[in-house]
Amino acid sequence: MSDSHLEGVTKEMLLDWYRQMALIRRTEELAAKAYTLRKIVGFCHLYIGQEAVAVGASAALRKKDVVVATYREHGQIMARGAKPREVFAELFAKETGMTRGVGGSMHMVDKDLHFWGGYGIVGGHVPLAAGAAFAAKYKGTDDISLVYLGDGATQQGAFFEALALAQLWKLPVIFLIENNFYAMGTSLDRQSYLTDLSHRADGVGMTKWQFHGFDVAEVYQNVLKAADHARSGKGPVLLEAITYRYRGHSMSDPAKYRAKGELDEKKKHDALDLAAATLKEKFGVSEDVLKEIKTAIKAEAKEAYETADKDPDSDPTNLYNYIYAPNDGGA
C-alpha cells in the first residue's frame, strides 16, 4: 500500500487513534469477562476486530454530526467520546449508565455526543439516519448523519427505502456498511448474490465505493471524503468497509461456522498491529511508547470496570420512563 492514506495524518493523530482502539478492545475484553460472570445479562455483541472502522469514521466527523448505530455499538459510542465507566455502568444496569441502566448493551444513547444507537431491529435504524439528515437539510445547517450497519442489514426493506429517499432528496447522510462477512452465523456468499455490497447503491444512482476497514487511517480518509461530499450538498454516499469480527455474533455464539484457520488469517490484518507498525515505521515511535499506552489503557479500563461494578443499581422505577406521555390527570 502507498502512503497516500496517511496524507494529512500526523503522529499525534495516529497515536490518539491507536489509544482509542486499544481502549475499545480492552473494554470489550472486560465486557466479555463480565458476561461470563453474569454481571451482564441478555444479549451482548462485541466489537473486537472492527475498532478501526469506528475510530476512523468518528475522526472524520464533526461534533454536531449525528451518528446512528446498530446493537454492536459499544466501540462506536466510545469512539464518539463516551468513557469506559459509562459503558460498563450501562452494561451492568447501573444508575450511572448513560441511560441510567435502562438501555443496556443494545441501546446506548448519548444526546450530548449526538449518538443515537443502538437498535435491535436489523436494518430498522437506517431510515432514522436519513431522517436526521432530512432535519439538517430542512434547518439549513451543514451537519450530516452517519449510520453504521452490518452486511445482514443490507437485505432489509427499510435499508432500500432509506437509500431511495436519501438519494431522491439529496440528503446529507453516509450509509456505512461494516461488512464482517457474517449476518449472525450466515456467511455473506450464502445470504447475498452480490458480495460487493457497495453495489446496493447502484439501483438508486447513489455515489458509493468499497474500501478496507482494517487500517484506521484508510477509514478516516474514506469517510472524510464521503463527509465532504454529503456536506457540500451533493447528496448521500454509501460506503462499504471490509472488516471482520473476532468473536461470534454475540456472547452466546461460539462461531463454529467459520472455516478452519479463517480467524487467524484475518488477524494478520489486525487494526492495532497495523497502526503500531505505521507509528514505528513512518513516525519513529518506539515500542516502549506503545507499551506505555497499552499499560495505561489496561489500568484505565480496569478502574472503569471496578468503579462501575460498585455503582448503585438502576432504580426499577426508571424502567417505564419515556414509554408513555406523563399523565397529568387530563383526558
C-alpha atoms as a PDB file:
ATOM      1  CA  MET A   1       0.000   0.000   0.000  1.00  0.00           C
ATOM      2  CA  SER A   2       1.256   3.511  -0.778  1.00  0.00           C
ATOM      3  CA  ASP A   3       1.354   6.193   1.895  1.00  0.00           C
ATOM      4  CA  SER A   4      -1.440   8.221   0.286  1.00  0.00           C
ATOM      5  CA  HIS A   5      -3.820   7.192   3.088  1.00  0.00           C
ATOM      6  CA  LEU A   6      -1.513   8.985   5.539  1.00  0.00           C
ATOM      7  CA  GLU A   7      -1.863  12.357   3.822  1.00  0.00           C
ATOM      8  CA  GLY A   8      -2.815  14.905   6.476  1.00  0.00           C
ATOM      9  CA  VAL A   9      -2.399  12.324   9.259  1.00  0.00           C
ATOM     10  CA  THR A  10       0.063  13.387  11.948  1.00  0.00           C
ATOM     11  CA  LYS A  11       1.884  11.284  14.506  1.00  0.00           C
ATOM     12  CA  GLU A  12      -0.307  12.777  17.248  1.00  0.00           C
ATOM     13  CA  MET A  13      -3.493  11.851  15.371  1.00  0.00           C
ATOM     14  CA  LEU A  14      -2.424   8.261  14.819  1.00  0.00           C
ATOM     15  CA  LEU A  15      -1.216   7.879  18.403  1.00  0.00           C
ATOM     16  CA  ASP A  16      -4.626   9.074  19.604  1.00  0.00           C
ATOM     17  CA  TRP A  17      -6.417   6.665  17.274  1.00  0.00           C
ATOM     18  CA  TYR A  18      -4.178   3.810  18.431  1.00  0.00           C
ATOM     19  CA  ARG A  19      -5.027   4.659  22.031  1.00  0.00           C
ATOM     20  CA  GLN A  20      -8.758   4.777  21.293  1.00  0.00           C
ATOM     21  CA  MET A  21      -8.680   1.414  19.509  1.00  0.00           C
ATOM     22  CA  ALA A  22      -6.698  -0.175  22.333  1.00  0.00           C
ATOM     23  CA  LEU A  23      -9.143   1.193  24.912  1.00  0.00           C
ATOM     24  CA  ILE A  24     -12.161  -0.067  22.978  1.00  0.00           C
ATOM     25  CA  ARG A  25     -10.628  -3.515  22.649  1.00  0.00           C
ATOM     26  CA  ARG A  26      -9.706  -3.770  26.311  1.00  0.00           C
ATOM     27  CA  THR A  27     -13.141  -2.542  27.356  1.00  0.00           C
ATOM     28  CA  GLU A  28     -14.762  -5.182  25.163  1.00  0.00           C
ATOM     29  CA  GLU A  29     -12.471  -7.889  26.525  1.00  0.00           C
ATOM     30  CA  LEU A  30     -13.544  -6.975  30.050  1.00  0.00           C
ATOM     31  CA  ALA A  31     -17.174  -6.903  28.915  1.00  0.00           C
ATOM     32  CA  ALA A  32     -16.746 -10.492  27.745  1.00  0.00           C
ATOM     33  CA  LYS A  33     -15.374 -11.402  31.166  1.00  0.00           C
ATOM     34  CA  ALA A  34     -18.273  -9.628  32.867  1.00  0.00           C
ATOM     35  CA  TYR A  35     -20.770 -11.529  30.744  1.00  0.00           C
ATOM     36  CA  THR A  36     -19.373 -14.882  31.843  1.00  0.00           C
ATOM     37  CA  LEU A  37     -19.702 -13.685  35.462  1.00  0.00           C
ATOM     38  CA  ARG A  38     -23.361 -12.744  34.860  1.00  0.00           C
ATOM     39  CA  LYS A  39     -22.694  -9.061  35.507  1.00  0.00           C
ATOM     40  CA  ILE A  40     -24.217  -8.504  32.055  1.00  0.00           C
ATOM     41  CA  VAL A  41     -27.443 -10.284  31.221  1.00  0.00           C
ATOM     42  CA  GLY A  42     -29.360 -10.519  27.971  1.00  0.00           C
ATOM     43  CA  PHE A  43     -27.571 -10.037  24.668  1.00  0.00           C
ATOM     44  CA  CYS A  44     -24.039  -8.682  24.311  1.00  0.00           C
ATOM     45  CA  HIS A  45     -22.433  -8.109  20.891  1.00  0.00           C
ATOM     46  CA  LEU A  46     -18.729  -7.298  20.956  1.00  0.00           C
ATOM     47  CA  TYR A  47     -16.824  -5.056  18.542  1.00  0.00           C
ATOM     48  CA  ILE A  48     -13.423  -6.740  18.810  1.00  0.00           C
ATOM     49  CA  GLY A  49     -11.680  -6.668  15.414  1.00  0.00           C
ATOM     50  CA  GLN A  50     -13.694  -3.783  13.988  1.00  0.00           C
ATOM     51  CA  GLU A  51     -12.210  -0.943  16.074  1.00  0.00           C
ATOM     52  CA  ALA A  52     -10.577   0.844  13.130  1.00  0.00           C
ATOM     53  CA  VAL A  53     -13.943   1.480  11.476  1.00  0.00           C
ATOM     54  CA  ALA A  54     -15.470   3.309  14.432  1.00  0.00           C
ATOM     55  CA  VAL A  55     -12.350   5.279  15.338  1.00  0.00           C
ATOM     56  CA  GLY A  56     -11.502   6.276  11.769  1.00  0.00           C
ATOM     57  CA  ALA A  57     -15.091   7.205  10.946  1.00  0.00           C
ATOM     58  CA  SER A  58     -15.573   9.236  14.132  1.00  0.00           C
ATOM     59  CA  ALA A  59     -12.363  11.152  13.485  1.00  0.00           C
ATOM     60  CA  ALA A  60     -13.761  12.250  10.116  1.00  0.00           C
ATOM     61  CA  LEU A  61     -16.976  13.653  11.617  1.00  0.00           C
ATOM     62  CA  ARG A  62     -17.761  16.907  13.387  1.00  0.00           C
ATOM     63  CA  LYS A  63     -19.149  17.092  16.911  1.00  0.00           C
ATOM     64  CA  LYS A  64     -22.674  18.061  15.817  1.00  0.00           C
ATOM     65  CA  ASP A  65     -22.969  15.345  13.178  1.00  0.00           C
ATOM     66  CA  VAL A  66     -25.491  12.667  14.088  1.00  0.00           C
ATOM     67  CA  VAL A  67     -24.466   9.021  14.429  1.00  0.00           C
ATOM     68  CA  VAL A  68     -26.991   6.168  14.368  1.00  0.00           C
ATOM     69  CA  ALA A  69     -25.808   2.643  15.181  1.00  0.00           C
ATOM     70  CA  THR A  70     -26.816  -0.982  15.434  1.00  0.00           C
ATOM     71  CA  TYR A  71     -26.642  -3.078  18.609  1.00  0.00           C
ATOM     72  CA  ARG A  72     -22.880  -3.714  18.157  1.00  0.00           C
ATOM     73  CA  GLU A  73     -22.230  -0.175  19.345  1.00  0.00           C
ATOM     74  CA  HIS A  74     -20.040  -0.230  22.461  1.00  0.00           C
ATOM     75  CA  GLY A  75     -16.924   0.663  20.475  1.00  0.00           C
ATOM     76  CA  GLN A  76     -18.767   3.125  18.259  1.00  0.00           C
ATOM     77  CA  ILE A  77     -20.068   5.240  21.122  1.00  0.00           C
ATOM     78  CA  MET A  78     -16.634   5.181  22.765  1.00  0.00           C
ATOM     79  CA  ALA A  79     -15.068   6.392  19.519  1.00  0.00           C
ATOM     80  CA  ARG A  80     -17.592   9.226  19.636  1.00  0.00           C
ATOM     81  CA  GLY A  81     -16.403  10.187  23.123  1.00  0.00           C
ATOM     82  CA  ALA A  82     -18.130   8.003  25.729  1.00  0.00           C
ATOM     83  CA  LYS A  83     -15.967   6.895  28.658  1.00  0.00           C
ATOM     84  CA  PRO A  84     -15.388   3.242  29.622  1.00  0.00           C
ATOM     85  CA  ARG A  85     -17.061   3.746  33.007  1.00  0.00           C
ATOM     86  CA  GLU A  86     -20.253   4.977  31.304  1.00  0.00           C
ATOM     87  CA  VAL A  87     -20.240   1.941  29.038  1.00  0.00           C
ATOM     88  CA  PHE A  88     -19.627  -0.519  31.882  1.00  0.00           C
ATOM     89  CA  ALA A  89     -22.254   1.155  34.052  1.00  0.00           C
ATOM     90  CA  GLU A  90     -24.820   0.813  31.290  1.00  0.00           C
ATOM     91  CA  LEU A  91     -23.830  -2.798  30.659  1.00  0.00           C
ATOM     92  CA  PHE A  92     -24.160  -3.543  34.386  1.00  0.00           C
ATOM     93  CA  ALA A  93     -27.586  -1.798  34.631  1.00  0.00           C
ATOM     94  CA  LYS A  94     -26.313   0.917  36.985  1.00  0.00           C
ATOM     95  CA  GLU A  95     -27.760   4.344  37.739  1.00  0.00           C
ATOM     96  CA  THR A  96     -24.540   5.908  36.431  1.00  0.00           C
ATOM     97  CA  GLY A  97     -25.034   4.410  32.968  1.00  0.00           C
ATOM     98  CA  MET A  98     -25.671   6.695  30.018  1.00  0.00           C
ATOM     99  CA  THR A  99     -29.373   5.816  30.085  1.00  0.00           C
ATOM    100  CA  ARG A 100     -29.366   5.017  33.827  1.00  0.00           C
ATOM    101  CA  GLY A 101     -29.002   1.326  33.057  1.00  0.00           C
ATOM    102  CA  VAL A 102     -32.282   1.009  31.184  1.00  0.00           C
ATOM    103  CA  GLY A 103     -30.874   0.607  27.660  1.00  0.00           C
ATOM    104  CA  GLY A 104     -28.115  -1.868  28.378  1.00  0.00           C
ATOM    105  CA  SER A 105     -25.797  -3.375  25.807  1.00  0.00           C
ATOM    106  CA  MET A 106     -28.012  -2.983  22.751  1.00  0.00           C
ATOM    107  CA  HIS A 107     -29.399   0.526  23.287  1.00  0.00           C
ATOM    108  CA  MET A 108     -26.655   3.013  24.115  1.00  0.00           C
ATOM    109  CA  VAL A 109     -27.514   6.663  23.545  1.00  0.00           C
ATOM    110  CA  ASP A 110     -25.830   9.959  24.370  1.00  0.00           C
ATOM    111  CA  LYS A 111     -27.603  13.183  23.437  1.00  0.00           C
ATOM    112  CA  ASP A 112     -24.527  15.353  24.029  1.00  0.00           C
ATOM    113  CA  LEU A 113     -22.471  13.166  21.694  1.00  0.00           C
ATOM    114  CA  HIS A 114     -25.280  13.195  19.084  1.00  0.00           C
ATOM    115  CA  PHE A 115     -25.129   9.412  19.191  1.00  0.00           C
ATOM    116  CA  TRP A 116     -28.476   7.718  18.645  1.00  0.00           C
ATOM    117  CA  GLY A 117     -27.945   3.998  18.713  1.00  0.00           C
ATOM    118  CA  GLY A 118     -28.081   1.140  19.060  1.00  0.00           C
ATOM    119  CA  TYR A 119     -31.146  -0.512  17.697  1.00  0.00           C
ATOM    120  CA  GLY A 120     -32.056  -4.171  17.915  1.00  0.00           C
ATOM    121  CA  ILE A 121     -34.193  -4.407  14.776  1.00  0.00           C
ATOM    122  CA  VAL A 122     -31.817  -5.295  11.950  1.00  0.00           C
ATOM    123  CA  GLY A 123     -31.947  -2.566   9.317  1.00  0.00           C
ATOM    124  CA  GLY A 124     -34.768  -0.755  11.097  1.00  0.00           C
ATOM    125  CA  HIS A 125     -32.452   2.011  12.285  1.00  0.00           C
ATOM    126  CA  VAL A 126     -31.229   3.022   8.817  1.00  0.00           C
ATOM    127  CA  PRO A 127     -34.198   5.316   7.989  1.00  0.00           C
ATOM    128  CA  LEU A 128     -33.570   7.209  11.251  1.00  0.00           C
ATOM    129  CA  ALA A 129     -30.245   8.442   9.889  1.00  0.00           C
ATOM    130  CA  ALA A 130     -31.997   9.577   6.730  1.00  0.00           C
ATOM    131  CA  GLY A 131     -34.481  11.401   8.957  1.00  0.00           C
ATOM    132  CA  ALA A 132     -31.693  13.152  10.868  1.00  0.00           C
ATOM    133  CA  ALA A 133     -30.147  14.185   7.558  1.00  0.00           C
ATOM    134  CA  PHE A 134     -33.538  15.486   6.382  1.00  0.00           C
ATOM    135  CA  ALA A 135     -33.761  17.594   9.548  1.00  0.00           C
ATOM    136  CA  ALA A 136     -30.298  19.053   8.955  1.00  0.00           C
ATOM    137  CA  LYS A 137     -31.177  19.949   5.375  1.00  0.00           C
ATOM    138  CA  TYR A 138     -34.555  21.386   6.392  1.00  0.00           C
ATOM    139  CA  LYS A 139     -32.908  23.599   9.031  1.00  0.00           C
ATOM    140  CA  GLY A 140     -30.208  24.722   6.616  1.00  0.00           C
ATOM    141  CA  THR A 141     -27.260  23.508   8.687  1.00  0.00           C
ATOM    142  CA  ASP A 142     -24.183  21.820   7.267  1.00  0.00           C
ATOM    143  CA  ASP A 143     -24.487  18.871   9.655  1.00  0.00           C
ATOM    144  CA  ILE A 144     -24.550  15.335   8.281  1.00  0.00           C
ATOM    145  CA  SER A 145     -25.542  11.969   9.674  1.00  0.00           C
ATOM    146  CA  LEU A 146     -23.712   8.647   9.543  1.00  0.00           C
ATOM    147  CA  VAL A 147     -25.310   5.271  10.108  1.00  0.00           C
ATOM    148  CA  TYR A 148     -23.444   2.042  10.850  1.00  0.00           C
ATOM    149  CA  LEU A 149     -24.990  -1.172   9.576  1.00  0.00           C
ATOM    150  CA  GLY A 150     -23.867  -4.727   9.027  1.00  0.00           C
ATOM    151  CA  ASP A 151     -23.945  -6.815   5.863  1.00  0.00           C
ATOM    152  CA  GLY A 152     -27.125  -8.530   7.061  1.00  0.00           C
ATOM    153  CA  ALA A 153     -28.979  -5.205   7.246  1.00  0.00           C
ATOM    154  CA  THR A 154     -28.474  -4.633   3.512  1.00  0.00           C
ATOM    155  CA  GLN A 155     -31.057  -7.376   2.898  1.00  0.00           C
ATOM    156  CA  GLN A 156     -33.819  -5.491   4.681  1.00  0.00           C
ATOM    157  CA  GLY A 157     -36.568  -3.439   3.066  1.00  0.00           C
ATOM    158  CA  ALA A 158     -36.085  -0.466   5.390  1.00  0.00           C
ATOM    159  CA  PHE A 159     -32.489  -0.170   4.145  1.00  0.00           C
ATOM    160  CA  PHE A 160     -33.571   0.078   0.497  1.00  0.00           C
ATOM    161  CA  GLU A 161     -36.346   2.538   1.320  1.00  0.00           C
ATOM    162  CA  ALA A 162     -33.912   4.790   3.175  1.00  0.00           C
ATOM    163  CA  LEU A 163     -31.497   4.734   0.241  1.00  0.00           C
ATOM    164  CA  ALA A 164     -34.241   5.608  -2.221  1.00  0.00           C
ATOM    165  CA  LEU A 165     -35.488   8.637  -0.277  1.00  0.00           C
ATOM    166  CA  ALA A 166     -31.996   9.829   0.665  1.00  0.00           C
ATOM    167  CA  GLN A 167     -30.941   9.871  -2.972  1.00  0.00           C
ATOM    168  CA  LEU A 168     -34.209  11.397  -4.182  1.00  0.00           C
ATOM    169  CA  TRP A 169     -33.947  14.292  -1.732  1.00  0.00           C
ATOM    170  CA  LYS A 170     -30.118  14.510  -1.805  1.00  0.00           C
ATOM    171  CA  LEU A 171     -29.883  14.106   1.943  1.00  0.00           C
ATOM    172  CA  PRO A 172     -26.506  14.617   3.702  1.00  0.00           C
ATOM    173  CA  VAL A 173     -26.110  11.081   5.041  1.00  0.00           C
ATOM    174  CA  ILE A 174     -23.416   8.400   4.908  1.00  0.00           C
ATOM    175  CA  PHE A 175     -24.542   4.773   4.946  1.00  0.00           C
ATOM    176  CA  LEU A 176     -21.520   2.897   6.313  1.00  0.00           C
ATOM    177  CA  ILE A 177     -21.731  -0.870   5.855  1.00  0.00           C
ATOM    178  CA  GLU A 178     -19.392  -2.799   8.137  1.00  0.00           C
ATOM    179  CA  ASN A 179     -19.059  -5.971   6.132  1.00  0.00           C
ATOM    180  CA  ASN A 180     -17.736  -8.525   8.611  1.00  0.00           C
ATOM    181  CA  PHE A 181     -18.867 -11.375   6.321  1.00  0.00           C
ATOM    182  CA  TYR A 182     -21.469 -12.895   8.637  1.00  0.00           C
ATOM    183  CA  ALA A 183     -25.093 -11.990   9.279  1.00  0.00           C
ATOM    184  CA  MET A 184     -25.336 -13.739  12.638  1.00  0.00           C
ATOM    185  CA  GLY A 185     -23.979 -17.137  11.518  1.00  0.00           C
ATOM    186  CA  THR A 186     -24.735 -16.930   7.790  1.00  0.00           C
ATOM    187  CA  SER A 187     -21.763 -16.144   5.567  1.00  0.00           C
ATOM    188  CA  LEU A 188     -22.062 -13.365   3.017  1.00  0.00           C
ATOM    189  CA  ASP A 189     -21.959 -15.619  -0.040  1.00  0.00           C
ATOM    190  CA  ARG A 190     -24.895 -17.650   1.357  1.00  0.00           C
ATOM    191  CA  GLN A 191     -27.089 -14.628   2.011  1.00  0.00           C
ATOM    192  CA  SER A 192     -26.389 -12.349  -0.956  1.00  0.00           C
ATOM    193  CA  TYR A 193     -25.781 -12.780  -4.676  1.00  0.00           C
ATOM    194  CA  LEU A 194     -23.789  -9.530  -4.535  1.00  0.00           C
ATOM    195  CA  THR A 195     -20.701  -9.813  -2.376  1.00  0.00           C
ATOM    196  CA  ASP A 196     -19.529  -6.276  -3.158  1.00  0.00           C
ATOM    197  CA  LEU A 197     -22.262  -4.658  -1.125  1.00  0.00           C
ATOM    198  CA  SER A 198     -21.423  -1.144  -2.278  1.00  0.00           C
ATOM    199  CA  HIS A 199     -23.359  -2.041  -5.443  1.00  0.00           C
ATOM    200  CA  ARG A 200     -26.528  -1.845  -3.367  1.00  0.00           C
ATOM    201  CA  ALA A 201     -26.361   1.880  -4.172  1.00  0.00           C
ATOM    202  CA  ASP A 202     -26.453   1.378  -7.943  1.00  0.00           C
ATOM    203  CA  GLY A 203     -30.213   0.907  -8.034  1.00  0.00           C
ATOM    204  CA  VAL A 204     -30.810   4.483  -6.874  1.00  0.00           C
ATOM    205  CA  GLY A 205     -27.805   6.079  -8.564  1.00  0.00           C
ATOM    206  CA  MET A 206     -26.040   6.877  -5.299  1.00  0.00           C
ATOM    207  CA  THR A 207     -22.326   7.609  -5.007  1.00  0.00           C
ATOM    208  CA  LYS A 208     -20.616   4.606  -3.499  1.00  0.00           C
ATOM    209  CA  TRP A 209     -17.346   2.779  -3.054  1.00  0.00           C
ATOM    210  CA  GLN A 210     -15.712  -0.038  -1.097  1.00  0.00           C
ATOM    211  CA  PHE A 211     -12.525   0.075   0.978  1.00  0.00           C
ATOM    212  CA  HIS A 212     -10.637  -1.983   3.544  1.00  0.00           C
ATOM    213  CA  GLY A 213     -11.564  -1.148   7.124  1.00  0.00           C
ATOM    214  CA  PHE A 214      -8.559  -2.574   8.958  1.00  0.00           C
ATOM    215  CA  ASP A 215      -6.296   0.489   8.687  1.00  0.00           C
ATOM    216  CA  VAL A 216      -7.673   3.352  10.788  1.00  0.00           C
ATOM    217  CA  ALA A 217      -6.061   5.998   8.567  1.00  0.00           C
ATOM    218  CA  GLU A 218      -7.626   4.476   5.465  1.00  0.00           C
ATOM    219  CA  VAL A 219     -11.036   4.505   7.134  1.00  0.00           C
ATOM    220  CA  TYR A 220     -10.531   8.141   8.138  1.00  0.00           C
ATOM    221  CA  GLN A 221      -9.639   9.216   4.594  1.00  0.00           C
ATOM    222  CA  ASN A 222     -12.599   7.422   3.023  1.00  0.00           C
ATOM    223  CA  VAL A 223     -15.177   8.665   5.495  1.00  0.00           C
ATOM    224  CA  LEU A 224     -13.744  12.194   5.330  1.00  0.00           C
ATOM    225  CA  LYS A 225     -14.145  12.142   1.544  1.00  0.00           C
ATOM    226  CA  ALA A 226     -17.731  10.920   1.888  1.00  0.00           C
ATOM    227  CA  ALA A 227     -18.467  13.522   4.586  1.00  0.00           C
ATOM    228  CA  ASP A 228     -17.176  16.326   2.359  1.00  0.00           C
ATOM    229  CA  HIS A 229     -19.390  15.053  -0.459  1.00  0.00           C
ATOM    230  CA  ALA A 230     -22.516  14.879   1.716  1.00  0.00           C
ATOM    231  CA  ARG A 231     -21.814  18.165   3.491  1.00  0.00           C
ATOM    232  CA  SER A 232     -21.389  20.052   0.219  1.00  0.00           C
ATOM    233  CA  GLY A 233     -24.952  19.293  -0.861  1.00  0.00           C
ATOM    234  CA  LYS A 234     -24.078  16.633  -3.433  1.00  0.00           C
ATOM    235  CA  GLY A 235     -26.190  14.008  -1.692  1.00  0.00           C
ATOM    236  CA  PRO A 236     -25.707  10.764   0.214  1.00  0.00           C
ATOM    237  CA  VAL A 237     -22.864   8.253  -0.014  1.00  0.00           C
ATOM    238  CA  LEU A 238     -22.868   4.506   0.573  1.00  0.00           C
ATOM    239  CA  LEU A 239     -19.570   3.140   1.887  1.00  0.00           C
ATOM    240  CA  GLU A 240     -18.620  -0.478   2.407  1.00  0.00           C
ATOM    241  CA  ALA A 241     -15.797  -1.128   4.868  1.00  0.00           C
ATOM    242  CA  ILE A 242     -14.353  -4.625   4.668  1.00  0.00           C
ATOM    243  CA  THR A 243     -13.771  -5.694   8.265  1.00  0.00           C
ATOM    244  CA  TYR A 244     -14.044  -8.756  10.495  1.00  0.00           C
ATOM    245  CA  ARG A 245     -15.313  -9.562  13.970  1.00  0.00           C
ATOM    246  CA  TYR A 246     -13.114 -11.829  16.046  1.00  0.00           C
ATOM    247  CA  ARG A 247     -15.883 -13.107  18.314  1.00  0.00           C
ATOM    248  CA  GLY A 248     -19.194 -14.720  17.478  1.00  0.00           C
ATOM    249  CA  HIS A 249     -22.273 -12.747  16.591  1.00  0.00           C
ATOM    250  CA  SER A 250     -22.985 -12.385  20.305  1.00  0.00           C
ATOM    251  CA  MET A 251     -21.559 -13.800  23.506  1.00  0.00           C
ATOM    252  CA  SER A 252     -23.845 -16.826  23.148  1.00  0.00           C
ATOM    253  CA  ASP A 253     -22.403 -17.686  19.708  1.00  0.00           C
ATOM    254  CA  PRO A 254     -19.338 -19.995  19.619  1.00  0.00           C
ATOM    255  CA  ALA A 255     -18.803 -19.158  15.895  1.00  0.00           C
ATOM    256  CA  LYS A 256     -18.199 -22.767  14.868  1.00  0.00           C
ATOM    257  CA  TYR A 257     -19.456 -21.997  11.364  1.00  0.00           C
ATOM    258  CA  ARG A 258     -16.147 -20.422  10.373  1.00  0.00           C
ATOM    259  CA  ALA A 259     -13.666 -22.260   8.213  1.00  0.00           C
ATOM    260  CA  LYS A 260     -10.599 -23.618   9.956  1.00  0.00           C
ATOM    261  CA  GLY A 261      -7.821 -21.025  10.011  1.00  0.00           C
ATOM    262  CA  GLU A 262     -10.091 -18.177   8.838  1.00  0.00           C
ATOM    263  CA  LEU A 263      -9.839 -16.170  12.043  1.00  0.00           C
ATOM    264  CA  ASP A 264      -6.049 -16.497  12.222  1.00  0.00           C
ATOM    265  CA  GLU A 265      -5.778 -15.311   8.626  1.00  0.00           C
ATOM    266  CA  LYS A 266      -7.922 -12.243   9.320  1.00  0.00           C
ATOM    267  CA  LYS A 267      -5.890 -11.388  12.405  1.00  0.00           C
ATOM    268  CA  LYS A 268      -2.888 -10.810  10.149  1.00  0.00           C
ATOM    269  CA  HIS A 269      -4.601  -7.503   9.295  1.00  0.00           C
ATOM    270  CA  ASP A 270      -5.351  -6.560  12.899  1.00  0.00           C
ATOM    271  CA  ALA A 271      -6.122  -2.852  13.274  1.00  0.00           C
ATOM    272  CA  LEU A 272      -3.945  -2.363  16.344  1.00  0.00           C
ATOM    273  CA  ASP A 273      -0.986  -4.150  14.770  1.00  0.00           C
ATOM    274  CA  LEU A 274      -1.297  -2.137  11.555  1.00  0.00           C
ATOM    275  CA  ALA A 275      -1.433   1.158  13.448  1.00  0.00           C
ATOM    276  CA  ALA A 276       1.524   0.147  15.633  1.00  0.00           C
ATOM    277  CA  ALA A 277       3.592  -0.782  12.570  1.00  0.00           C
ATOM    278  CA  THR A 278       2.819   2.562  10.907  1.00  0.00           C
ATOM    279  CA  LEU A 279       3.681   4.503  14.054  1.00  0.00           C
ATOM    280  CA  LYS A 280       7.045   2.763  14.290  1.00  0.00           C
ATOM    281  CA  GLU A 281       7.964   2.716  10.600  1.00  0.00           C
ATOM    282  CA  LYS A 282       6.569   6.068   9.404  1.00  0.00           C
ATOM    283  CA  PHE A 283       6.644   8.226  12.523  1.00  0.00           C
ATOM    284  CA  GLY A 284       9.536   6.782  14.519  1.00  0.00           C
ATOM    285  CA  VAL A 285       7.519   5.889  17.599  1.00  0.00           C
ATOM    286  CA  SER A 286       9.339   3.407  19.816  1.00  0.00           C
ATOM    287  CA  GLU A 287       7.983   0.101  21.052  1.00  0.00           C
ATOM    288  CA  ASP A 288       8.367   1.391  24.602  1.00  0.00           C
ATOM    289  CA  VAL A 289       5.917   4.231  23.920  1.00  0.00           C
ATOM    290  CA  LEU A 290       3.348   1.777  22.570  1.00  0.00           C
ATOM    291  CA  LYS A 291       3.806  -0.484  25.593  1.00  0.00           C
ATOM    292  CA  GLU A 292       3.253   2.501  27.888  1.00  0.00           C
ATOM    293  CA  ILE A 293      -0.012   3.267  26.096  1.00  0.00           C
ATOM    294  CA  LYS A 294      -1.222  -0.320  26.457  1.00  0.00           C
ATOM    295  CA  THR A 295      -0.266  -0.390  30.140  1.00  0.00           C
ATOM    296  CA  ALA A 296      -2.145   2.843  30.789  1.00  0.00           C
ATOM    297  CA  ILE A 297      -5.143   1.571  28.820  1.00  0.00           C
ATOM    298  CA  LYS A 298      -5.361  -1.622  30.854  1.00  0.00           C
ATOM    299  CA  ALA A 299      -5.272   0.376  34.078  1.00  0.00           C
ATOM    300  CA  GLU A 300      -7.940   2.814  32.854  1.00  0.00           C
ATOM    301  CA  ALA A 301     -10.274   0.042  31.710  1.00  0.00           C
ATOM    302  CA  LYS A 302      -9.746  -1.941  34.923  1.00  0.00           C
ATOM    303  CA  GLU A 303     -10.560   1.081  37.082  1.00  0.00           C
ATOM    304  CA  ALA A 304     -13.651   1.859  34.995  1.00  0.00           C
ATOM    305  CA  TYR A 305     -14.838  -1.746  35.320  1.00  0.00           C
ATOM    306  CA  GLU A 306     -14.334  -1.908  39.069  1.00  0.00           C
ATOM    307  CA  THR A 307     -15.850   1.516  39.720  1.00  0.00           C
ATOM    308  CA  ALA A 308     -18.929   0.832  37.613  1.00  0.00           C
ATOM    309  CA  ASP A 309     -19.371  -2.527  39.318  1.00  0.00           C
ATOM    310  CA  LYS A 310     -19.672  -0.756  42.688  1.00  0.00           C
ATOM    311  CA  ASP A 311     -22.101   1.903  41.435  1.00  0.00           C
ATOM    312  CA  PRO A 312     -25.735   1.723  42.622  1.00  0.00           C
ATOM    313  CA  ASP A 313     -28.075  -0.470  40.623  1.00  0.00           C
ATOM    314  CA  SER A 314     -30.600   1.190  38.375  1.00  0.00           C
ATOM    315  CA  ASP A 315     -33.843   2.191  40.098  1.00  0.00           C
ATOM    316  CA  PRO A 316     -36.532  -0.183  38.782  1.00  0.00           C
ATOM    317  CA  THR A 317     -38.936   2.744  38.524  1.00  0.00           C
ATOM    318  CA  ASN A 318     -36.818   4.041  35.629  1.00  0.00           C
ATOM    319  CA  LEU A 319     -37.959   1.123  33.512  1.00  0.00           C
ATOM    320  CA  TYR A 320     -41.155   2.707  32.262  1.00  0.00           C
ATOM    321  CA  ASN A 321     -39.871   6.242  31.841  1.00  0.00           C
ATOM    322  CA  TYR A 322     -40.304   7.720  28.354  1.00  0.00           C
ATOM    323  CA  ILE A 323     -42.632   4.934  27.244  1.00  0.00           C
ATOM    324  CA  TYR A 324     -45.857   6.863  27.829  1.00  0.00           C
ATOM    325  CA  ALA A 325     -46.540  10.610  27.972  1.00  0.00           C
ATOM    326  CA  PRO A 326     -46.821  11.977  31.523  1.00  0.00           C
ATOM    327  CA  ASN A 327     -50.311  11.548  32.954  1.00  0.00           C
ATOM    328  CA  ASP A 328     -51.335  14.973  34.280  1.00  0.00           C
ATOM    329  CA  GLY A 329     -54.831  13.846  35.123  1.00  0.00           C
ATOM    330  CA  GLY A 330     -56.353  15.096  31.875  1.00  0.00           C
ATOM    331  CA  ALA A 331     -58.485  13.074  29.483  1.00  0.00           C
END
